[in-house]
N, C-alpha and C. Protein backbone atom coordinates (compact mmCIF):
# COMPACT_ATOMS: atom_id res chain seq x y z
N SER A 1 45.47 -29.37 -49.87
CA SER A 1 46.05 -29.83 -51.03
C SER A 1 45.75 -29.01 -52.23
N VAL A 2 46.49 -29.01 -53.21
CA VAL A 2 46.23 -28.25 -54.52
C VAL A 2 46.08 -29.14 -55.70
N GLY A 3 45.08 -28.95 -56.42
CA GLY A 3 44.87 -29.71 -57.68
C GLY A 3 44.51 -28.79 -58.80
N ARG A 4 44.29 -29.35 -60.02
CA ARG A 4 43.93 -28.62 -61.15
C ARG A 4 42.45 -28.79 -61.38
N THR A 5 41.76 -27.65 -61.55
CA THR A 5 40.26 -27.66 -61.81
C THR A 5 39.99 -26.81 -63.00
N TYR A 6 39.13 -27.36 -63.82
CA TYR A 6 38.67 -26.64 -65.12
C TYR A 6 37.58 -25.63 -64.79
N PHE A 7 37.83 -24.34 -65.15
CA PHE A 7 36.84 -23.27 -65.08
C PHE A 7 36.57 -22.77 -66.49
N GLU A 8 35.71 -21.76 -66.51
CA GLU A 8 35.37 -21.21 -67.86
C GLU A 8 36.69 -20.60 -68.54
N SER A 9 37.60 -20.19 -67.78
CA SER A 9 38.86 -19.53 -68.32
C SER A 9 39.87 -20.59 -68.60
N GLY A 10 39.62 -21.85 -68.26
CA GLY A 10 40.53 -22.90 -68.54
C GLY A 10 41.09 -23.60 -67.20
N TRP A 11 42.10 -24.37 -67.23
CA TRP A 11 42.62 -25.12 -66.07
C TRP A 11 43.30 -24.16 -65.17
N GLU A 12 43.11 -24.29 -63.88
CA GLU A 12 43.60 -23.40 -62.81
C GLU A 12 44.11 -24.29 -61.64
N GLU A 13 45.25 -23.95 -61.04
CA GLU A 13 45.65 -24.60 -59.74
C GLU A 13 44.62 -24.14 -58.70
N THR A 14 44.05 -25.11 -57.99
CA THR A 14 42.95 -24.88 -57.08
C THR A 14 43.18 -25.48 -55.69
N PRO A 15 43.48 -24.72 -54.64
CA PRO A 15 43.61 -25.31 -53.38
C PRO A 15 42.31 -25.88 -52.83
N SER A 16 42.34 -26.98 -51.99
CA SER A 16 41.22 -27.45 -51.37
C SER A 16 41.38 -27.29 -49.87
N TYR A 17 40.22 -26.95 -49.16
CA TYR A 17 40.19 -26.79 -47.77
C TYR A 17 39.05 -27.53 -47.08
N SER A 18 39.22 -28.08 -45.94
CA SER A 18 38.18 -28.66 -45.18
C SER A 18 37.26 -27.53 -44.58
N LEU A 19 35.97 -27.64 -44.74
CA LEU A 19 35.10 -26.66 -44.20
C LEU A 19 35.20 -26.61 -42.71
N GLN A 20 35.41 -27.74 -42.05
CA GLN A 20 35.53 -27.87 -40.63
C GLN A 20 36.76 -27.12 -40.06
N SER A 21 37.75 -26.92 -40.87
CA SER A 21 38.99 -26.31 -40.44
C SER A 21 38.96 -24.80 -40.58
N LEU A 22 37.96 -24.34 -41.23
CA LEU A 22 37.95 -22.79 -41.36
C LEU A 22 37.26 -22.21 -40.20
N ALA A 23 37.79 -21.07 -39.77
CA ALA A 23 37.37 -20.26 -38.60
C ALA A 23 36.70 -19.06 -39.04
N PRO A 24 35.82 -18.43 -38.15
CA PRO A 24 35.15 -17.19 -38.58
C PRO A 24 36.24 -16.11 -38.86
N GLY A 25 36.07 -15.38 -39.92
CA GLY A 25 36.99 -14.32 -40.35
C GLY A 25 37.97 -14.82 -41.48
N ASN A 26 38.05 -16.15 -41.66
CA ASN A 26 38.95 -16.63 -42.72
C ASN A 26 38.36 -16.13 -44.08
N VAL A 27 39.29 -15.62 -44.91
CA VAL A 27 38.96 -15.16 -46.28
C VAL A 27 39.79 -15.99 -47.25
N LEU A 28 39.06 -16.56 -48.24
CA LEU A 28 39.66 -17.34 -49.25
C LEU A 28 39.41 -16.76 -50.59
N GLU A 29 40.42 -16.50 -51.36
CA GLU A 29 40.36 -15.99 -52.71
C GLU A 29 40.13 -17.13 -53.71
N GLY A 30 39.27 -17.03 -54.68
CA GLY A 30 38.99 -18.07 -55.71
C GLY A 30 40.16 -18.07 -56.64
N PRO A 31 40.38 -19.22 -57.18
CA PRO A 31 39.57 -20.42 -57.14
C PRO A 31 39.99 -21.22 -55.88
N ALA A 32 38.94 -21.94 -55.34
CA ALA A 32 39.16 -22.78 -54.16
C ALA A 32 38.04 -23.80 -54.11
N LEU A 33 38.33 -24.92 -53.48
CA LEU A 33 37.36 -25.92 -53.17
C LEU A 33 37.26 -26.14 -51.72
N LEU A 34 35.97 -26.00 -51.24
CA LEU A 34 35.80 -26.14 -49.76
C LEU A 34 34.91 -27.50 -49.57
N LEU A 35 35.53 -28.41 -48.91
CA LEU A 35 35.11 -29.78 -48.83
C LEU A 35 34.44 -30.05 -47.50
N ASP A 36 33.40 -30.82 -47.48
CA ASP A 36 32.72 -31.25 -46.30
C ASP A 36 32.27 -32.73 -46.56
N ASP A 37 31.77 -33.39 -45.53
CA ASP A 37 31.41 -34.75 -45.66
C ASP A 37 30.30 -35.02 -46.71
N ILE A 38 29.41 -34.03 -46.89
CA ILE A 38 28.25 -34.23 -47.72
C ILE A 38 28.14 -33.11 -48.75
N SER A 39 29.08 -32.27 -48.90
CA SER A 39 28.98 -31.18 -49.88
C SER A 39 30.40 -30.63 -50.29
N THR A 40 30.31 -29.93 -51.44
CA THR A 40 31.52 -29.23 -51.91
C THR A 40 31.09 -27.89 -52.31
N VAL A 41 31.83 -26.81 -51.85
CA VAL A 41 31.53 -25.45 -52.32
C VAL A 41 32.64 -25.05 -53.30
N VAL A 42 32.31 -24.66 -54.50
CA VAL A 42 33.27 -24.17 -55.47
C VAL A 42 33.34 -22.62 -55.42
N VAL A 43 34.57 -22.11 -55.05
CA VAL A 43 34.65 -20.66 -55.10
C VAL A 43 35.43 -20.34 -56.39
N GLU A 44 34.76 -19.87 -57.32
CA GLU A 44 35.30 -19.63 -58.65
C GLU A 44 36.31 -18.49 -58.73
N PRO A 45 37.13 -18.37 -59.77
CA PRO A 45 37.98 -17.30 -59.92
C PRO A 45 37.17 -16.03 -59.95
N ASN A 46 37.63 -14.91 -59.48
CA ASN A 46 36.91 -13.63 -59.43
C ASN A 46 35.96 -13.61 -58.25
N CYS A 47 36.13 -14.59 -57.31
CA CYS A 47 35.18 -14.74 -56.17
C CYS A 47 36.04 -14.85 -54.89
N THR A 48 35.41 -14.33 -53.88
CA THR A 48 36.08 -14.44 -52.51
C THR A 48 35.07 -14.98 -51.48
N ALA A 49 35.48 -16.00 -50.81
CA ALA A 49 34.61 -16.60 -49.70
C ALA A 49 35.18 -16.17 -48.36
N THR A 50 34.16 -15.69 -47.48
CA THR A 50 34.54 -15.22 -46.20
C THR A 50 33.66 -16.14 -45.17
N VAL A 51 34.26 -16.65 -44.15
CA VAL A 51 33.48 -17.33 -43.09
C VAL A 51 33.03 -16.34 -42.15
N THR A 52 31.74 -16.26 -42.00
CA THR A 52 31.07 -15.35 -41.14
C THR A 52 31.24 -15.73 -39.58
N ALA A 53 30.86 -14.81 -38.74
CA ALA A 53 30.90 -15.01 -37.31
C ALA A 53 30.03 -16.29 -36.94
N THR A 54 29.02 -16.54 -37.62
CA THR A 54 28.13 -17.64 -37.34
C THR A 54 28.57 -18.97 -38.01
N GLY A 55 29.62 -18.91 -38.80
CA GLY A 55 30.13 -20.06 -39.47
C GLY A 55 29.65 -20.24 -40.92
N HIS A 56 28.84 -19.36 -41.40
CA HIS A 56 28.34 -19.53 -42.79
C HIS A 56 29.36 -18.85 -43.75
N LEU A 57 29.24 -19.29 -44.97
CA LEU A 57 30.06 -18.74 -46.08
C LEU A 57 29.40 -17.65 -46.82
N GLU A 58 30.15 -16.48 -46.92
CA GLU A 58 29.58 -15.40 -47.74
C GLU A 58 30.48 -15.32 -48.94
N ILE A 59 29.91 -15.41 -50.16
CA ILE A 59 30.76 -15.40 -51.28
C ILE A 59 30.53 -14.16 -52.08
N LEU A 60 31.55 -13.38 -52.33
CA LEU A 60 31.45 -12.11 -53.11
C LEU A 60 31.96 -12.37 -54.48
N VAL A 61 31.02 -12.15 -55.48
CA VAL A 61 31.36 -12.34 -56.83
C VAL A 61 31.62 -10.97 -57.51
N ARG A 62 32.93 -10.85 -57.87
CA ARG A 62 33.40 -9.54 -58.48
C ARG A 62 33.09 -9.59 -59.96
N PRO A 63 32.85 -8.55 -60.52
CA PRO A 63 32.55 -8.34 -62.02
C PRO A 63 33.81 -8.76 -62.80
N ARG A 64 33.53 -9.36 -63.87
CA ARG A 64 34.67 -9.79 -64.82
C ARG A 64 34.80 -8.69 -65.86
N LYS A 65 35.97 -8.62 -66.46
CA LYS A 65 36.20 -7.73 -67.55
C LYS A 65 35.88 -8.36 -68.90
N GLY A 66 35.18 -7.68 -69.77
CA GLY A 66 34.80 -8.24 -71.05
C GLY A 66 35.94 -8.15 -71.98
N ALA A 67 35.68 -8.60 -73.27
CA ALA A 67 36.78 -8.67 -74.32
C ALA A 67 37.28 -7.25 -74.58
N ARG A 68 36.44 -6.20 -74.53
CA ARG A 68 36.86 -4.91 -74.83
C ARG A 68 37.15 -4.09 -73.59
N GLY A 69 37.26 -4.75 -72.34
CA GLY A 69 37.67 -4.07 -71.14
C GLY A 69 36.47 -3.56 -70.32
N GLU A 70 35.22 -3.68 -70.88
CA GLU A 70 34.07 -3.26 -70.10
C GLU A 70 33.73 -4.22 -68.97
N THR A 71 33.23 -3.73 -67.90
CA THR A 71 32.85 -4.55 -66.70
C THR A 71 31.52 -5.23 -66.97
N ARG A 72 31.46 -6.60 -66.68
CA ARG A 72 30.30 -7.36 -66.96
C ARG A 72 29.84 -7.87 -65.63
N THR A 73 28.54 -7.94 -65.41
CA THR A 73 27.96 -8.49 -64.20
C THR A 73 26.72 -9.31 -64.61
N GLY A 74 26.26 -10.07 -63.69
CA GLY A 74 25.03 -10.81 -63.96
C GLY A 74 25.13 -11.98 -64.83
N PRO A 75 24.07 -12.46 -65.51
CA PRO A 75 24.15 -13.65 -66.30
C PRO A 75 25.18 -13.56 -67.43
N GLU A 76 25.35 -12.35 -68.02
CA GLU A 76 26.28 -12.18 -69.15
C GLU A 76 27.73 -12.58 -68.61
N ALA A 77 28.05 -12.11 -67.41
CA ALA A 77 29.35 -12.42 -66.91
C ALA A 77 29.52 -13.86 -66.54
N GLN A 78 28.43 -14.44 -66.09
CA GLN A 78 28.54 -15.85 -65.64
C GLN A 78 28.74 -16.80 -66.84
N ARG A 79 28.12 -16.53 -67.96
CA ARG A 79 28.20 -17.39 -69.13
C ARG A 79 29.20 -16.91 -70.11
N GLY A 80 29.92 -15.76 -69.84
CA GLY A 80 30.98 -15.30 -70.62
C GLY A 80 30.55 -14.58 -71.98
N ALA A 81 29.25 -14.27 -72.01
CA ALA A 81 28.75 -13.60 -73.15
C ALA A 81 29.02 -12.05 -73.19
N GLU A 82 28.91 -11.43 -74.33
CA GLU A 82 29.00 -10.01 -74.39
C GLU A 82 27.77 -9.38 -73.75
N ALA A 83 27.75 -8.10 -73.64
CA ALA A 83 26.54 -7.46 -72.94
C ALA A 83 25.30 -7.62 -73.68
N ALA A 84 25.31 -7.93 -75.00
CA ALA A 84 24.06 -8.10 -75.77
C ALA A 84 23.36 -9.28 -75.32
N PRO A 85 22.02 -9.26 -75.46
CA PRO A 85 21.26 -10.58 -75.11
C PRO A 85 21.66 -11.74 -75.93
N ALA A 86 21.70 -12.89 -75.34
CA ALA A 86 22.16 -14.18 -75.97
C ALA A 86 21.02 -14.56 -76.85
N GLU A 87 21.32 -15.37 -77.85
CA GLU A 87 20.32 -15.91 -78.71
C GLU A 87 19.41 -16.80 -77.86
N GLY A 88 18.14 -16.69 -78.02
CA GLY A 88 17.22 -17.46 -77.25
C GLY A 88 16.72 -16.78 -75.88
N ALA A 89 17.39 -15.65 -75.63
CA ALA A 89 17.04 -14.88 -74.45
C ALA A 89 15.56 -14.26 -74.67
N PRO A 90 14.94 -13.98 -73.43
CA PRO A 90 13.64 -13.35 -73.57
C PRO A 90 13.73 -12.03 -74.38
N SER A 91 12.80 -11.79 -75.17
CA SER A 91 12.74 -10.65 -76.03
C SER A 91 12.21 -9.45 -75.16
N PRO A 92 12.55 -8.23 -75.60
CA PRO A 92 12.04 -7.07 -74.80
C PRO A 92 10.53 -7.05 -74.58
N SER A 93 9.78 -7.78 -75.40
CA SER A 93 8.36 -7.85 -75.23
C SER A 93 7.93 -8.76 -74.08
N GLY A 94 8.93 -9.58 -73.54
CA GLY A 94 8.64 -10.44 -72.41
C GLY A 94 8.33 -11.87 -72.85
N ASP A 95 8.30 -12.20 -74.25
CA ASP A 95 8.19 -13.54 -74.63
C ASP A 95 9.39 -14.30 -74.33
N ALA A 96 9.30 -15.49 -73.76
CA ALA A 96 10.39 -16.27 -73.41
C ALA A 96 10.54 -17.38 -74.43
N ASP A 97 11.82 -17.84 -74.58
CA ASP A 97 12.13 -19.01 -75.44
C ASP A 97 11.69 -20.27 -74.71
N PRO A 98 10.80 -21.06 -75.44
CA PRO A 98 10.33 -22.31 -74.74
C PRO A 98 11.40 -23.27 -74.41
N VAL A 99 12.45 -23.30 -75.11
CA VAL A 99 13.52 -24.34 -74.86
C VAL A 99 14.21 -23.88 -73.55
N GLN A 100 14.52 -22.56 -73.42
CA GLN A 100 15.19 -22.11 -72.20
C GLN A 100 14.24 -22.23 -71.00
N LEU A 101 12.95 -22.03 -71.25
CA LEU A 101 11.98 -22.20 -70.08
C LEU A 101 12.01 -23.66 -69.63
N SER A 102 11.98 -24.59 -70.54
CA SER A 102 12.07 -26.01 -70.31
C SER A 102 13.34 -26.35 -69.47
N LEU A 103 14.46 -25.74 -70.06
CA LEU A 103 15.78 -26.11 -69.33
C LEU A 103 15.77 -25.63 -67.91
N TYR A 104 15.42 -24.41 -67.75
CA TYR A 104 15.45 -23.82 -66.41
C TYR A 104 14.31 -24.50 -65.48
N SER A 105 13.26 -24.83 -65.99
CA SER A 105 12.23 -25.56 -65.24
C SER A 105 12.77 -26.86 -64.70
N HIS A 106 13.45 -27.65 -65.55
CA HIS A 106 14.06 -28.91 -65.22
C HIS A 106 15.15 -28.68 -64.23
N ARG A 107 15.98 -27.67 -64.37
CA ARG A 107 17.10 -27.36 -63.46
C ARG A 107 16.53 -27.08 -62.09
N PHE A 108 15.58 -26.15 -61.97
CA PHE A 108 15.00 -25.89 -60.74
C PHE A 108 14.30 -27.04 -60.01
N MET A 109 13.64 -27.80 -60.81
CA MET A 109 12.99 -29.00 -60.30
C MET A 109 13.97 -30.02 -59.73
N GLY A 110 15.15 -30.10 -60.50
CA GLY A 110 16.25 -31.00 -60.05
C GLY A 110 16.76 -30.57 -58.67
N ILE A 111 16.98 -29.21 -58.56
CA ILE A 111 17.43 -28.71 -57.31
C ILE A 111 16.59 -29.03 -56.13
N ALA A 112 15.26 -28.84 -56.29
CA ALA A 112 14.26 -29.05 -55.29
C ALA A 112 14.29 -30.64 -54.95
N GLU A 113 14.37 -31.49 -55.98
CA GLU A 113 14.43 -32.88 -55.74
C GLU A 113 15.72 -33.30 -54.97
N GLN A 114 16.77 -32.74 -55.39
CA GLN A 114 18.12 -33.05 -54.67
C GLN A 114 18.08 -32.55 -53.17
N MET A 115 17.36 -31.44 -52.85
CA MET A 115 17.19 -30.98 -51.51
C MET A 115 16.41 -32.04 -50.79
N GLY A 116 15.37 -32.64 -51.34
CA GLY A 116 14.60 -33.67 -50.79
C GLY A 116 15.40 -34.95 -50.48
N ARG A 117 16.22 -35.38 -51.49
CA ARG A 117 17.07 -36.56 -51.30
C ARG A 117 18.08 -36.36 -50.23
N THR A 118 18.64 -35.04 -50.12
CA THR A 118 19.59 -34.84 -49.02
C THR A 118 18.90 -34.89 -47.78
N LEU A 119 17.78 -34.23 -47.62
CA LEU A 119 16.92 -34.24 -46.35
C LEU A 119 16.69 -35.63 -45.95
N GLN A 120 16.19 -36.47 -46.91
CA GLN A 120 15.85 -37.82 -46.52
C GLN A 120 17.13 -38.64 -46.13
N ARG A 121 18.27 -38.44 -46.85
CA ARG A 121 19.46 -39.28 -46.59
C ARG A 121 20.03 -38.88 -45.22
N THR A 122 19.97 -37.61 -44.80
CA THR A 122 20.66 -37.18 -43.56
C THR A 122 19.75 -37.09 -42.36
N SER A 123 18.48 -37.41 -42.59
CA SER A 123 17.47 -37.32 -41.48
C SER A 123 17.61 -38.46 -40.49
N VAL A 124 17.21 -38.25 -39.29
CA VAL A 124 17.00 -39.36 -38.28
C VAL A 124 15.58 -39.60 -38.00
N SER A 125 14.68 -38.85 -38.53
CA SER A 125 13.24 -38.94 -38.31
C SER A 125 12.63 -40.00 -39.15
N THR A 126 11.84 -40.91 -38.65
CA THR A 126 11.23 -41.91 -39.43
C THR A 126 10.27 -41.31 -40.37
N ASN A 127 9.56 -40.35 -39.96
CA ASN A 127 8.56 -39.57 -40.82
C ASN A 127 9.28 -39.05 -42.09
N ILE A 128 10.45 -38.57 -41.95
CA ILE A 128 11.15 -38.04 -43.06
C ILE A 128 11.83 -39.00 -43.87
N LYS A 129 12.58 -39.81 -43.18
CA LYS A 129 13.50 -40.85 -43.91
C LYS A 129 12.71 -41.94 -44.61
N GLU A 130 11.66 -42.46 -44.00
CA GLU A 130 10.90 -43.62 -44.55
C GLU A 130 9.56 -43.12 -45.25
N ARG A 131 8.90 -42.26 -44.52
CA ARG A 131 7.49 -41.90 -45.04
C ARG A 131 7.53 -40.75 -46.04
N LEU A 132 8.71 -40.14 -46.12
CA LEU A 132 8.86 -38.93 -46.94
C LEU A 132 7.82 -37.81 -46.72
N ASP A 133 7.62 -37.63 -45.43
CA ASP A 133 6.57 -36.72 -44.94
C ASP A 133 7.21 -35.25 -44.90
N PHE A 134 7.59 -34.66 -46.01
CA PHE A 134 8.16 -33.41 -45.98
C PHE A 134 7.98 -32.77 -47.45
N SER A 135 8.18 -31.48 -47.52
CA SER A 135 8.18 -30.88 -48.95
C SER A 135 9.44 -29.97 -49.06
N CYS A 136 9.96 -29.96 -50.30
CA CYS A 136 11.02 -29.06 -50.64
C CYS A 136 10.65 -28.20 -51.77
N ALA A 137 11.00 -26.88 -51.75
CA ALA A 137 10.64 -26.05 -52.90
C ALA A 137 11.57 -24.88 -52.99
N LEU A 138 11.70 -24.23 -54.16
CA LEU A 138 12.42 -23.05 -54.33
C LEU A 138 11.44 -21.88 -54.66
N PHE A 139 11.85 -20.70 -54.10
CA PHE A 139 10.98 -19.53 -54.18
C PHE A 139 11.81 -18.37 -54.77
N ASP A 140 11.06 -17.47 -55.40
CA ASP A 140 11.77 -16.33 -55.91
C ASP A 140 11.94 -15.25 -54.87
N ALA A 141 12.53 -14.12 -55.21
CA ALA A 141 12.76 -13.08 -54.25
C ALA A 141 11.49 -12.51 -53.55
N SER A 142 10.34 -12.63 -54.16
CA SER A 142 9.12 -12.18 -53.66
C SER A 142 8.36 -13.17 -52.83
N GLY A 143 9.05 -14.41 -52.74
CA GLY A 143 8.40 -15.49 -52.05
C GLY A 143 7.43 -16.35 -52.90
N GLY A 144 7.37 -16.12 -54.17
CA GLY A 144 6.56 -16.89 -55.03
C GLY A 144 7.25 -18.28 -55.37
N LEU A 145 6.38 -19.33 -55.45
CA LEU A 145 6.85 -20.64 -55.67
C LEU A 145 7.52 -20.80 -57.12
N VAL A 146 8.67 -21.23 -57.27
CA VAL A 146 9.35 -21.42 -58.53
C VAL A 146 9.28 -22.95 -58.94
N ALA A 147 9.71 -23.80 -58.07
CA ALA A 147 9.67 -25.22 -58.28
C ALA A 147 9.57 -26.00 -56.95
N ASN A 148 8.86 -27.19 -57.03
CA ASN A 148 8.74 -27.97 -55.79
C ASN A 148 8.99 -29.45 -56.17
N ALA A 149 9.54 -30.20 -55.23
CA ALA A 149 9.81 -31.56 -55.35
C ALA A 149 8.50 -32.36 -55.14
N PRO A 150 8.30 -33.47 -55.73
CA PRO A 150 7.04 -34.25 -55.54
C PRO A 150 7.07 -35.15 -54.33
N HIS A 151 7.16 -34.63 -53.12
CA HIS A 151 7.14 -35.45 -51.95
C HIS A 151 5.71 -35.43 -51.48
N ILE A 152 5.45 -34.60 -50.45
CA ILE A 152 4.10 -34.69 -49.80
C ILE A 152 3.47 -33.30 -50.31
N PRO A 153 2.74 -33.27 -51.41
CA PRO A 153 2.34 -31.93 -51.94
C PRO A 153 1.23 -31.17 -51.08
N VAL A 154 0.76 -31.82 -50.01
CA VAL A 154 -0.23 -31.09 -49.20
C VAL A 154 0.48 -29.96 -48.54
N HIS A 155 1.73 -30.03 -48.31
CA HIS A 155 2.45 -28.84 -47.67
C HIS A 155 2.54 -27.70 -48.61
N LEU A 156 2.61 -27.98 -49.90
CA LEU A 156 2.92 -26.83 -50.78
C LEU A 156 1.82 -25.73 -50.87
N GLY A 157 0.64 -26.03 -50.56
CA GLY A 157 -0.39 -25.17 -50.64
C GLY A 157 -0.13 -23.97 -49.74
N ALA A 158 0.51 -24.23 -48.62
CA ALA A 158 0.69 -23.16 -47.63
C ALA A 158 2.14 -22.59 -47.69
N MET A 159 3.04 -23.30 -48.34
CA MET A 159 4.42 -22.88 -48.27
C MET A 159 4.61 -21.42 -48.83
N GLN A 160 4.08 -21.12 -49.98
CA GLN A 160 4.25 -19.67 -50.51
C GLN A 160 3.78 -18.67 -49.55
N ASP A 161 2.59 -18.89 -48.95
CA ASP A 161 2.09 -18.00 -48.02
C ASP A 161 3.04 -17.86 -46.72
N ALA A 162 3.52 -18.98 -46.33
CA ALA A 162 4.41 -19.09 -45.14
C ALA A 162 5.72 -18.19 -45.41
N VAL A 163 6.38 -18.47 -46.59
CA VAL A 163 7.54 -17.70 -46.98
C VAL A 163 7.27 -16.23 -47.10
N GLN A 164 6.19 -15.84 -47.67
CA GLN A 164 5.86 -14.41 -47.90
C GLN A 164 5.50 -13.81 -46.48
N LEU A 165 4.86 -14.56 -45.58
CA LEU A 165 4.64 -14.10 -44.22
C LEU A 165 6.00 -13.80 -43.48
N GLN A 166 6.97 -14.76 -43.66
CA GLN A 166 8.23 -14.54 -42.95
C GLN A 166 8.97 -13.38 -43.55
N GLN A 167 8.82 -13.22 -44.93
CA GLN A 167 9.50 -12.04 -45.49
C GLN A 167 8.95 -10.71 -44.97
N ARG A 168 7.68 -10.65 -44.73
CA ARG A 168 7.03 -9.46 -44.13
C ARG A 168 7.44 -9.34 -42.69
N ARG A 169 7.46 -10.42 -41.99
CA ARG A 169 7.86 -10.47 -40.54
C ARG A 169 9.23 -9.87 -40.31
N TRP A 170 10.14 -10.41 -41.14
CA TRP A 170 11.56 -10.04 -40.99
C TRP A 170 11.99 -8.84 -41.85
N GLU A 171 11.05 -8.31 -42.59
CA GLU A 171 11.21 -7.02 -43.37
C GLU A 171 12.58 -6.99 -44.06
N GLY A 172 12.91 -7.97 -44.88
CA GLY A 172 14.13 -7.97 -45.78
C GLY A 172 15.36 -8.33 -44.93
N ASP A 173 15.28 -8.62 -43.63
CA ASP A 173 16.47 -9.07 -42.85
C ASP A 173 16.66 -10.66 -42.85
N ILE A 174 16.43 -11.23 -44.07
CA ILE A 174 16.52 -12.66 -44.16
C ILE A 174 17.83 -12.86 -44.96
N HIS A 175 18.66 -13.82 -44.47
CA HIS A 175 19.90 -14.11 -45.09
C HIS A 175 20.02 -15.59 -45.45
């Protein structure tokens, strides 16, 4: 089906697809909504989603053109700002804006907590579903802990080391 969805650029006609109906090799140009029983994937304009041979989605984000025709990538392209640093962005000296730090901290914590709620809701294990005997966390590219959900914190002491060990074991071949 096709509906109207609001993106940064305004309202766009957006087709919806069932994730179960997609086959390996299918390529979908954004905008598109990919629906499942417990999740929705939004493929934004300027993005392309490809179903891999293993059934995963690979989303390619193409650079946007700025107001003066220059190509923009990264956070500036995502929020629609010009290439100059945004007000409140970290200064060249490395000092970060405390408001932005707080906002991102809460965002990352919310993601980790939602991971835990989803794990609890979809689990069949009594240990996970009722005793909440699990931990969820977000890590940076080097395997450092960014945020963790407040489930069973005893796991968290070893999680960073475990993630970094897996990174060394697989030598960057982690997808």
